[in-house]
Amino acid sequence: MQFLDDRQTITPKQHGFVCGISCLTNLLEVFENWTESLNEGYGVDVIYLDYRKAFDTVPHKRLFQDNLKMDSHVQNILSQCAQRMYLLKLWQHQGMPLNKLIVVVYSLIVSRIAYALPAWGGFVPVELNGKIDAMFKRLRRYGYINDNLTLSGLLSV
């Protein structure tokens, strides 16, 4: 843990697996943000995804290779994102409005990468960095995102 603290790898937004804060403190913080937004007259839309089963069944030994690279983990995330992009195309061809697809993109693809960044973001080799950036370019080309997202840009936030 000291290694991660020294390199400021874990952001203040990380609540799980950090001493003194937990998923409960994260929930309280989110409720506070929602309440503040509602009090200011803004609407709040919430999408709840339960990743419990996914995390409980992760083959933890396969996440790290012998040389502590997380290549296979990052490749797995990219594969999942590619599958989700395929679903987006299907939904678009079936008439789902673009504004709804954009919400799904940020909920299922961008958030998947952003959530994992504190753990492996600083250790991604150049090749995989390029693949992640290429995926963001495809999302932009298909009109699913308007932002100029890059892995380095997400790391600097």
N, C-alpha and C. Protein backbone atom coordinates (compact mmCIF):
# COMPACT_ATOMS: atom_id res chain seq x y z
N MET A 1 0.83 -1.19 0.00
CA MET A 1 0.00 0.00 0.00
C MET A 1 0.88 1.26 0.00
N GLN A 2 2.01 1.19 0.67
CA GLN A 2 2.92 2.33 0.74
C GLN A 2 3.39 2.72 -0.66
N PHE A 3 3.63 1.71 -1.52
CA PHE A 3 4.05 1.94 -2.89
C PHE A 3 3.02 2.81 -3.62
N LEU A 4 1.73 2.48 -3.45
CA LEU A 4 0.67 3.23 -4.11
C LEU A 4 0.53 4.64 -3.52
N ASP A 5 0.68 4.74 -2.20
CA ASP A 5 0.60 6.05 -1.55
C ASP A 5 1.74 6.96 -1.99
N ASP A 6 2.95 6.41 -2.07
CA ASP A 6 4.12 7.21 -2.47
C ASP A 6 3.96 7.78 -3.87
N ARG A 7 3.33 7.05 -4.76
CA ARG A 7 3.17 7.48 -6.15
C ARG A 7 1.82 8.15 -6.41
N GLN A 8 1.06 8.36 -5.35
CA GLN A 8 -0.27 8.99 -5.43
C GLN A 8 -1.12 8.32 -6.51
N THR A 9 -1.10 6.99 -6.51
CA THR A 9 -1.86 6.21 -7.49
C THR A 9 -3.33 6.18 -7.15
N ILE A 10 -3.66 6.13 -5.87
CA ILE A 10 -5.05 6.07 -5.44
C ILE A 10 -5.56 7.49 -5.24
N THR A 11 -6.61 7.83 -5.95
CA THR A 11 -7.17 9.18 -5.89
C THR A 11 -8.06 9.33 -4.66
N PRO A 12 -8.36 10.55 -4.26
CA PRO A 12 -9.28 10.77 -3.14
C PRO A 12 -10.69 10.25 -3.41
N LYS A 13 -11.02 10.02 -4.69
CA LYS A 13 -12.33 9.50 -5.05
C LYS A 13 -12.45 8.00 -4.78
N GLN A 14 -11.32 7.32 -4.57
CA GLN A 14 -11.32 5.88 -4.32
C GLN A 14 -11.78 5.62 -2.89
N HIS A 15 -12.86 4.88 -2.72
CA HIS A 15 -13.39 4.62 -1.39
C HIS A 15 -13.19 3.17 -0.96
N GLY A 16 -13.21 2.24 -1.88
CA GLY A 16 -13.05 0.84 -1.50
C GLY A 16 -11.60 0.50 -1.25
N PHE A 17 -11.33 -0.36 -0.29
CA PHE A 17 -10.00 -0.88 0.02
C PHE A 17 -9.02 0.19 0.48
N VAL A 18 -9.51 1.27 1.05
CA VAL A 18 -8.65 2.33 1.58
C VAL A 18 -8.97 2.49 3.06
N CYS A 19 -7.94 2.55 3.87
CA CYS A 19 -8.11 2.65 5.32
C CYS A 19 -8.89 3.91 5.69
N GLY A 20 -9.92 3.75 6.50
CA GLY A 20 -10.66 4.89 7.01
C GLY A 20 -11.87 5.30 6.17
N ILE A 21 -11.95 4.82 4.95
CA ILE A 21 -13.13 5.10 4.12
C ILE A 21 -13.58 3.79 3.49
N SER A 22 -14.83 3.75 3.07
CA SER A 22 -15.38 2.50 2.56
C SER A 22 -16.46 2.78 1.53
N CYS A 23 -17.11 1.73 1.10
CA CYS A 23 -18.23 1.89 0.17
C CYS A 23 -19.35 2.69 0.83
N LEU A 24 -19.49 2.56 2.14
CA LEU A 24 -20.51 3.32 2.86
C LEU A 24 -20.23 4.81 2.80
N THR A 25 -18.97 5.21 3.00
CA THR A 25 -18.63 6.63 2.92
C THR A 25 -18.83 7.14 1.50
N ASN A 26 -18.57 6.28 0.50
CA ASN A 26 -18.81 6.65 -0.89
C ASN A 26 -20.30 6.88 -1.12
N LEU A 27 -21.13 6.00 -0.59
CA LEU A 27 -22.58 6.14 -0.72
C LEU A 27 -23.07 7.42 -0.06
N LEU A 28 -22.55 7.72 1.12
CA LEU A 28 -22.95 8.95 1.81
C LEU A 28 -22.55 10.19 1.01
N GLU A 29 -21.36 10.15 0.44
CA GLU A 29 -20.89 11.28 -0.37
C GLU A 29 -21.77 11.47 -1.61
N VAL A 30 -22.14 10.36 -2.25
CA VAL A 30 -22.99 10.43 -3.43
C VAL A 30 -24.37 10.98 -3.06
N PHE A 31 -24.94 10.49 -1.95
CA PHE A 31 -26.24 11.00 -1.51
C PHE A 31 -26.17 12.51 -1.23
N GLU A 32 -25.07 12.94 -0.65
CA GLU A 32 -24.90 14.37 -0.38
C GLU A 32 -24.88 15.16 -1.69
N ASN A 33 -24.16 14.65 -2.69
CA ASN A 33 -24.09 15.32 -4.00
C ASN A 33 -25.47 15.37 -4.66
N TRP A 34 -26.21 14.26 -4.58
CA TRP A 34 -27.55 14.22 -5.18
C TRP A 34 -28.48 15.21 -4.49
N THR A 35 -28.43 15.22 -3.16
CA THR A 35 -29.30 16.12 -2.41
C THR A 35 -28.98 17.57 -2.74
N GLU A 36 -27.70 17.89 -2.82
CA GLU A 36 -27.29 19.25 -3.16
C GLU A 36 -27.80 19.64 -4.55
N SER A 37 -27.68 18.73 -5.51
CA SER A 37 -28.17 19.00 -6.86
C SER A 37 -29.67 19.21 -6.88
N LEU A 38 -30.39 18.36 -6.16
CA LEU A 38 -31.85 18.49 -6.11
C LEU A 38 -32.26 19.81 -5.45
N ASN A 39 -31.56 20.19 -4.38
CA ASN A 39 -31.86 21.45 -3.69
C ASN A 39 -31.61 22.67 -4.58
N GLU A 40 -30.67 22.53 -5.51
CA GLU A 40 -30.36 23.62 -6.43
C GLU A 40 -31.27 23.60 -7.67
N GLY A 41 -32.20 22.65 -7.71
CA GLY A 41 -33.16 22.60 -8.80
C GLY A 41 -32.75 21.75 -9.99
N TYR A 42 -31.66 21.03 -9.87
CA TYR A 42 -31.22 20.16 -10.96
C TYR A 42 -31.88 18.79 -10.81
N GLY A 43 -32.03 18.10 -11.93
CA GLY A 43 -32.53 16.73 -11.89
C GLY A 43 -31.37 15.77 -11.66
N VAL A 44 -31.68 14.62 -11.14
CA VAL A 44 -30.66 13.60 -10.90
C VAL A 44 -31.15 12.29 -11.51
N ASP A 45 -30.38 11.74 -12.45
CA ASP A 45 -30.66 10.43 -13.02
C ASP A 45 -29.61 9.47 -12.48
N VAL A 46 -30.04 8.30 -12.10
CA VAL A 46 -29.12 7.33 -11.50
C VAL A 46 -29.24 6.01 -12.23
N ILE A 47 -28.11 5.43 -12.56
CA ILE A 47 -28.05 4.07 -13.10
C ILE A 47 -27.27 3.25 -12.10
N TYR A 48 -27.88 2.21 -11.60
CA TYR A 48 -27.23 1.37 -10.60
C TYR A 48 -26.79 0.07 -11.26
N LEU A 49 -25.51 -0.23 -11.18
CA LEU A 49 -24.97 -1.47 -11.70
C LEU A 49 -24.36 -2.25 -10.55
N ASP A 50 -24.76 -3.48 -10.38
CA ASP A 50 -24.25 -4.31 -9.30
C ASP A 50 -23.14 -5.20 -9.84
N TYR A 51 -21.91 -4.82 -9.54
CA TYR A 51 -20.75 -5.57 -10.01
C TYR A 51 -20.27 -6.62 -9.00
N ARG A 52 -21.05 -6.86 -7.96
CA ARG A 52 -20.63 -7.77 -6.90
C ARG A 52 -20.23 -9.13 -7.46
N LYS A 53 -21.08 -9.72 -8.29
CA LYS A 53 -20.78 -11.04 -8.83
C LYS A 53 -19.52 -11.02 -9.69
N ALA A 54 -19.36 -9.95 -10.45
CA ALA A 54 -18.18 -9.85 -11.31
C ALA A 54 -16.91 -9.82 -10.48
N PHE A 55 -16.91 -9.08 -9.38
CA PHE A 55 -15.71 -8.99 -8.56
C PHE A 55 -15.51 -10.23 -7.70
N ASP A 56 -16.59 -10.87 -7.31
CA ASP A 56 -16.46 -12.08 -6.51
C ASP A 56 -15.93 -13.25 -7.31
N THR A 57 -16.10 -13.22 -8.62
CA THR A 57 -15.68 -14.35 -9.45
C THR A 57 -14.44 -14.05 -10.29
N VAL A 58 -13.79 -12.93 -10.06
CA VAL A 58 -12.59 -12.58 -10.81
C VAL A 58 -11.47 -13.57 -10.47
N PRO A 59 -10.82 -14.14 -11.48
CA PRO A 59 -9.66 -15.01 -11.21
C PRO A 59 -8.46 -14.14 -10.84
N HIS A 60 -8.32 -13.82 -9.57
CA HIS A 60 -7.31 -12.86 -9.12
C HIS A 60 -5.89 -13.25 -9.52
N LYS A 61 -5.58 -14.52 -9.57
CA LYS A 61 -4.23 -14.93 -9.94
C LYS A 61 -3.92 -14.59 -11.39
N ARG A 62 -4.95 -14.54 -12.24
CA ARG A 62 -4.73 -14.23 -13.64
C ARG A 62 -4.59 -12.74 -13.89
N LEU A 63 -4.95 -11.90 -12.93
CA LEU A 63 -4.83 -10.46 -13.13
C LEU A 63 -3.38 -10.02 -13.27
N PHE A 64 -2.52 -10.68 -12.53
CA PHE A 64 -1.11 -10.33 -12.55
C PHE A 64 -0.32 -11.43 -13.24
N GLN A 65 0.52 -11.05 -14.16
CA GLN A 65 1.42 -12.01 -14.76
C GLN A 65 2.64 -12.13 -13.86
N ASP A 66 3.52 -13.05 -14.17
CA ASP A 66 4.69 -13.27 -13.31
C ASP A 66 5.53 -12.02 -13.13
N ASN A 67 5.58 -11.15 -14.13
CA ASN A 67 6.40 -9.94 -14.04
C ASN A 67 5.59 -8.73 -13.57
N LEU A 68 4.44 -8.97 -12.95
CA LEU A 68 3.57 -7.94 -12.37
C LEU A 68 2.98 -6.98 -13.41
N LYS A 69 2.97 -7.37 -14.67
CA LYS A 69 2.27 -6.57 -15.67
C LYS A 69 0.79 -6.91 -15.61
N MET A 70 -0.02 -5.95 -15.89
CA MET A 70 -1.46 -6.18 -15.87
C MET A 70 -2.02 -6.23 -17.28
N ASP A 71 -1.20 -6.67 -18.21
CA ASP A 71 -1.60 -6.68 -19.61
C ASP A 71 -2.88 -7.48 -19.84
N SER A 72 -2.95 -8.67 -19.26
CA SER A 72 -4.13 -9.52 -19.52
C SER A 72 -5.39 -8.87 -18.96
N HIS A 73 -5.27 -8.19 -17.83
CA HIS A 73 -6.42 -7.52 -17.23
C HIS A 73 -6.90 -6.38 -18.14
N VAL A 74 -5.98 -5.59 -18.63
CA VAL A 74 -6.32 -4.46 -19.50
C VAL A 74 -6.90 -4.99 -20.82
N GLN A 75 -6.31 -6.07 -21.36
CA GLN A 75 -6.84 -6.67 -22.59
C GLN A 75 -8.27 -7.14 -22.38
N ASN A 76 -8.55 -7.72 -21.20
CA ASN A 76 -9.88 -8.18 -20.87
C ASN A 76 -10.87 -7.01 -20.84
N ILE A 77 -10.47 -5.91 -20.24
CA ILE A 77 -11.33 -4.72 -20.19
C ILE A 77 -11.59 -4.20 -21.60
N LEU A 78 -10.56 -4.17 -22.44
CA LEU A 78 -10.74 -3.72 -23.83
C LEU A 78 -11.67 -4.65 -24.60
N SER A 79 -11.57 -5.94 -24.35
CA SER A 79 -12.46 -6.90 -24.99
C SER A 79 -13.91 -6.67 -24.58
N GLN A 80 -14.13 -6.43 -23.29
CA GLN A 80 -15.48 -6.15 -22.81
C GLN A 80 -16.02 -4.86 -23.44
N CYS A 81 -15.17 -3.85 -23.54
CA CYS A 81 -15.60 -2.59 -24.13
C CYS A 81 -15.96 -2.77 -25.61
N ALA A 82 -15.18 -3.61 -26.33
CA ALA A 82 -15.48 -3.87 -27.74
C ALA A 82 -16.83 -4.59 -27.87
N GLN A 83 -17.12 -5.52 -26.98
CA GLN A 83 -18.41 -6.20 -27.00
C GLN A 83 -19.54 -5.22 -26.74
N ARG A 84 -19.33 -4.29 -25.85
CA ARG A 84 -20.35 -3.30 -25.54
C ARG A 84 -20.55 -2.33 -26.71
N MET A 85 -19.46 -2.03 -27.43
CA MET A 85 -19.59 -1.18 -28.61
C MET A 85 -20.43 -1.88 -29.67
N TYR A 86 -20.28 -3.19 -29.80
CA TYR A 86 -21.09 -3.95 -30.75
C TYR A 86 -22.56 -3.85 -30.36
N LEU A 87 -22.86 -3.98 -29.07
CA LEU A 87 -24.24 -3.84 -28.61
C LEU A 87 -24.79 -2.45 -28.91
N LEU A 88 -23.95 -1.43 -28.75
CA LEU A 88 -24.38 -0.06 -29.05
C LEU A 88 -24.80 0.07 -30.52
N LYS A 89 -24.01 -0.54 -31.41
CA LYS A 89 -24.36 -0.48 -32.83
C LYS A 89 -25.70 -1.17 -33.09
N LEU A 90 -25.90 -2.33 -32.44
CA LEU A 90 -27.18 -3.03 -32.60
C LEU A 90 -28.34 -2.18 -32.12
N TRP A 91 -28.17 -1.57 -30.95
CA TRP A 91 -29.23 -0.72 -30.39
C TRP A 91 -29.50 0.48 -31.29
N GLN A 92 -28.43 1.04 -31.85
CA GLN A 92 -28.60 2.19 -32.74
C GLN A 92 -29.37 1.78 -33.99
N HIS A 93 -29.05 0.62 -34.56
CA HIS A 93 -29.75 0.14 -35.76
C HIS A 93 -31.20 -0.21 -35.45
N GLN A 94 -31.51 -0.51 -34.20
CA GLN A 94 -32.88 -0.81 -33.81
C GLN A 94 -33.65 0.44 -33.43
N GLY A 95 -33.00 1.61 -33.54
CA GLY A 95 -33.70 2.87 -33.35
C GLY A 95 -33.52 3.55 -32.01
N MET A 96 -32.59 3.08 -31.20
CA MET A 96 -32.35 3.76 -29.92
C MET A 96 -31.76 5.14 -30.20
N PRO A 97 -32.33 6.19 -29.60
CA PRO A 97 -31.84 7.56 -29.85
C PRO A 97 -30.39 7.73 -29.41
N LEU A 98 -29.67 8.57 -30.15
CA LEU A 98 -28.25 8.79 -29.87
C LEU A 98 -28.02 9.34 -28.47
N ASN A 99 -28.90 10.22 -27.98
CA ASN A 99 -28.69 10.78 -26.65
C ASN A 99 -28.77 9.69 -25.57
N LYS A 100 -29.56 8.65 -25.80
CA LYS A 100 -29.63 7.52 -24.86
C LYS A 100 -28.38 6.65 -24.98
N LEU A 101 -27.90 6.48 -26.22
CA LEU A 101 -26.69 5.69 -26.43
C LEU A 101 -25.48 6.33 -25.76
N ILE A 102 -25.44 7.66 -25.78
CA ILE A 102 -24.32 8.37 -25.14
C ILE A 102 -24.30 8.09 -23.64
N VAL A 103 -25.48 8.07 -23.02
CA VAL A 103 -25.56 7.76 -21.59
C VAL A 103 -25.05 6.35 -21.34
N VAL A 104 -25.42 5.42 -22.21
CA VAL A 104 -24.98 4.03 -22.06
C VAL A 104 -23.46 3.93 -22.23
N VAL A 105 -22.91 4.67 -23.19
CA VAL A 105 -21.45 4.65 -23.42
C VAL A 105 -20.70 5.08 -22.16
N TYR A 106 -21.14 6.18 -21.57
CA TYR A 106 -20.43 6.66 -20.37
C TYR A 106 -20.66 5.73 -19.19
N SER A 107 -21.81 5.08 -19.15
CA SER A 107 -22.11 4.19 -18.03
C SER A 107 -21.39 2.85 -18.14
N LEU A 108 -21.27 2.32 -19.35
CA LEU A 108 -20.74 0.97 -19.51
C LEU A 108 -19.30 0.91 -20.02
N ILE A 109 -18.87 1.91 -20.75
CA ILE A 109 -17.52 1.82 -21.34
C ILE A 109 -16.55 2.79 -20.65
N VAL A 110 -16.87 4.07 -20.69
CA VAL A 110 -15.95 5.06 -20.12
C VAL A 110 -15.78 4.83 -18.62
N SER A 111 -16.89 4.56 -17.93
CA SER A 111 -16.79 4.34 -16.48
C SER A 111 -16.00 3.09 -16.15
N ARG A 112 -16.06 2.07 -17.01
CA ARG A 112 -15.31 0.82 -16.79
C ARG A 112 -13.82 1.09 -16.80
N ILE A 113 -13.40 1.90 -17.73
CA ILE A 113 -11.97 2.23 -17.82
C ILE A 113 -11.58 3.19 -16.70
N ALA A 114 -12.38 4.22 -16.47
CA ALA A 114 -12.06 5.21 -15.44
C ALA A 114 -12.02 4.59 -14.05
N TYR A 115 -12.90 3.63 -13.78
CA TYR A 115 -12.94 3.00 -12.46
C TYR A 115 -11.65 2.23 -12.17
N ALA A 116 -11.11 1.58 -13.19
CA ALA A 116 -9.92 0.76 -12.99
C ALA A 116 -8.61 1.55 -13.05
N LEU A 117 -8.66 2.79 -13.52
CA LEU A 117 -7.43 3.56 -13.70
C LEU A 117 -6.56 3.71 -12.45
N PRO A 118 -7.13 3.96 -11.27
CA PRO A 118 -6.24 4.11 -10.12
C PRO A 118 -5.39 2.86 -9.85
N ALA A 119 -5.88 1.71 -10.25
CA ALA A 119 -5.14 0.47 -10.00
C ALA A 119 -4.05 0.23 -11.03
N TRP A 120 -4.34 0.46 -12.32
CA TRP A 120 -3.36 0.09 -13.33
C TRP A 120 -2.98 1.20 -14.29
N GLY A 121 -3.56 2.36 -14.15
CA GLY A 121 -3.36 3.43 -15.12
C GLY A 121 -1.91 3.82 -15.36
N GLY A 122 -1.11 3.87 -14.31
CA GLY A 122 0.28 4.27 -14.48
C GLY A 122 1.19 3.18 -14.98
N PHE A 123 0.65 1.97 -15.15
CA PHE A 123 1.48 0.83 -15.52
C PHE A 123 1.17 0.29 -16.91
N VAL A 124 0.33 0.98 -17.65
CA VAL A 124 -0.09 0.50 -18.97
C VAL A 124 1.04 0.71 -19.97
N PRO A 125 1.45 -0.37 -20.66
CA PRO A 125 2.49 -0.20 -21.68
C PRO A 125 1.97 0.64 -22.86
N VAL A 126 2.89 1.18 -23.62
CA VAL A 126 2.56 2.08 -24.73
C VAL A 126 1.59 1.42 -25.71
N GLU A 127 1.80 0.14 -26.00
CA GLU A 127 0.95 -0.58 -26.95
C GLU A 127 -0.52 -0.57 -26.51
N LEU A 128 -0.75 -0.89 -25.23
CA LEU A 128 -2.12 -0.92 -24.72
C LEU A 128 -2.69 0.48 -24.57
N ASN A 129 -1.84 1.44 -24.25
CA ASN A 129 -2.27 2.84 -24.19
C ASN A 129 -2.84 3.25 -25.55
N GLY A 130 -2.14 2.86 -26.62
CA GLY A 130 -2.60 3.15 -27.97
C GLY A 130 -3.93 2.48 -28.29
N LYS A 131 -4.11 1.23 -27.82
CA LYS A 131 -5.37 0.52 -28.07
C LYS A 131 -6.54 1.19 -27.34
N ILE A 132 -6.29 1.65 -26.12
CA ILE A 132 -7.35 2.35 -25.38
C ILE A 132 -7.71 3.65 -26.07
N ASP A 133 -6.70 4.41 -26.47
CA ASP A 133 -6.95 5.66 -27.19
C ASP A 133 -7.67 5.41 -28.52
N ALA A 134 -7.33 4.30 -29.21
CA ALA A 134 -8.01 3.96 -30.46
C ALA A 134 -9.48 3.64 -30.23
N MET A 135 -9.77 2.98 -29.10
CA MET A 135 -11.17 2.69 -28.77
C MET A 135 -11.94 3.99 -28.55
N PHE A 136 -11.34 4.95 -27.84
CA PHE A 136 -11.98 6.25 -27.63
C PHE A 136 -12.21 6.96 -28.98
N LYS A 137 -11.24 6.85 -29.91
CA LYS A 137 -11.39 7.47 -31.23
C LYS A 137 -12.56 6.84 -31.99
N ARG A 138 -12.71 5.51 -31.88
CA ARG A 138 -13.84 4.84 -32.55
C ARG A 138 -15.16 5.32 -31.96
N LEU A 139 -15.22 5.45 -30.64
CA LEU A 139 -16.44 5.95 -30.01
C LEU A 139 -16.79 7.35 -30.51
N ARG A 140 -15.76 8.18 -30.65
CA ARG A 140 -15.97 9.55 -31.14
C ARG A 140 -16.40 9.53 -32.62
N ARG A 141 -15.77 8.66 -33.42
CA ARG A 141 -16.10 8.57 -34.84
C ARG A 141 -17.55 8.10 -35.05
N TYR A 142 -18.03 7.20 -34.20
CA TYR A 142 -19.41 6.72 -34.29
C TYR A 142 -20.40 7.71 -33.70
N GLY A 143 -19.90 8.78 -33.08
CA GLY A 143 -20.78 9.81 -32.52
C GLY A 143 -21.27 9.51 -31.12
N TYR A 144 -20.68 8.51 -30.47
CA TYR A 144 -21.12 8.12 -29.12
C TYR A 144 -20.55 9.02 -28.03
N ILE A 145 -19.43 9.68 -28.31
CA ILE A 145 -18.87 10.65 -27.37
C ILE A 145 -18.46 11.89 -28.14
N ASN A 146 -18.54 13.02 -27.48
CA ASN A 146 -18.09 14.27 -28.10
C ASN A 146 -16.75 14.71 -27.54
N ASP A 147 -16.41 14.18 -26.37
CA ASP A 147 -15.17 14.56 -25.72
C ASP A 147 -13.97 13.96 -26.45
N ASN A 148 -12.85 14.62 -26.33
CA ASN A 148 -11.61 14.11 -26.89
C ASN A 148 -10.91 13.29 -25.81
N LEU A 149 -11.49 12.15 -25.46
CA LEU A 149 -10.95 11.33 -24.38
C LEU A 149 -9.70 10.60 -24.80
N THR A 150 -8.72 10.56 -23.90
CA THR A 150 -7.52 9.76 -24.06
C THR A 150 -7.18 9.18 -22.70
N LEU A 151 -6.40 8.12 -22.70
CA LEU A 151 -6.00 7.52 -21.43
C LEU A 151 -5.19 8.51 -20.61
N SER A 152 -4.25 9.21 -21.24
CA SER A 152 -3.43 10.18 -20.49
C SER A 152 -4.30 11.31 -19.94
N GLY A 153 -5.33 11.69 -20.69
CA GLY A 153 -6.24 12.73 -20.21
C GLY A 153 -7.03 12.28 -18.99
N LEU A 154 -7.49 11.03 -19.00
CA LEU A 154 -8.21 10.50 -17.84
C LEU A 154 -7.30 10.36 -16.63
N LEU A 155 -6.03 10.02 -16.88
CA LEU A 155 -5.08 9.88 -15.76
C LEU A 155 -4.79 11.21 -15.10
N SER A 156 -4.85 12.29 -15.86
CA SER A 156 -4.48 13.59 -15.30
C SER A 156 -5.64 14.24 -14.57
N VAL A 157 -6.84 13.68 -14.67
CA VAL A 157 -8.02 14.26 -13.98
C VAL A 157 -7.96 13.99 -12.51
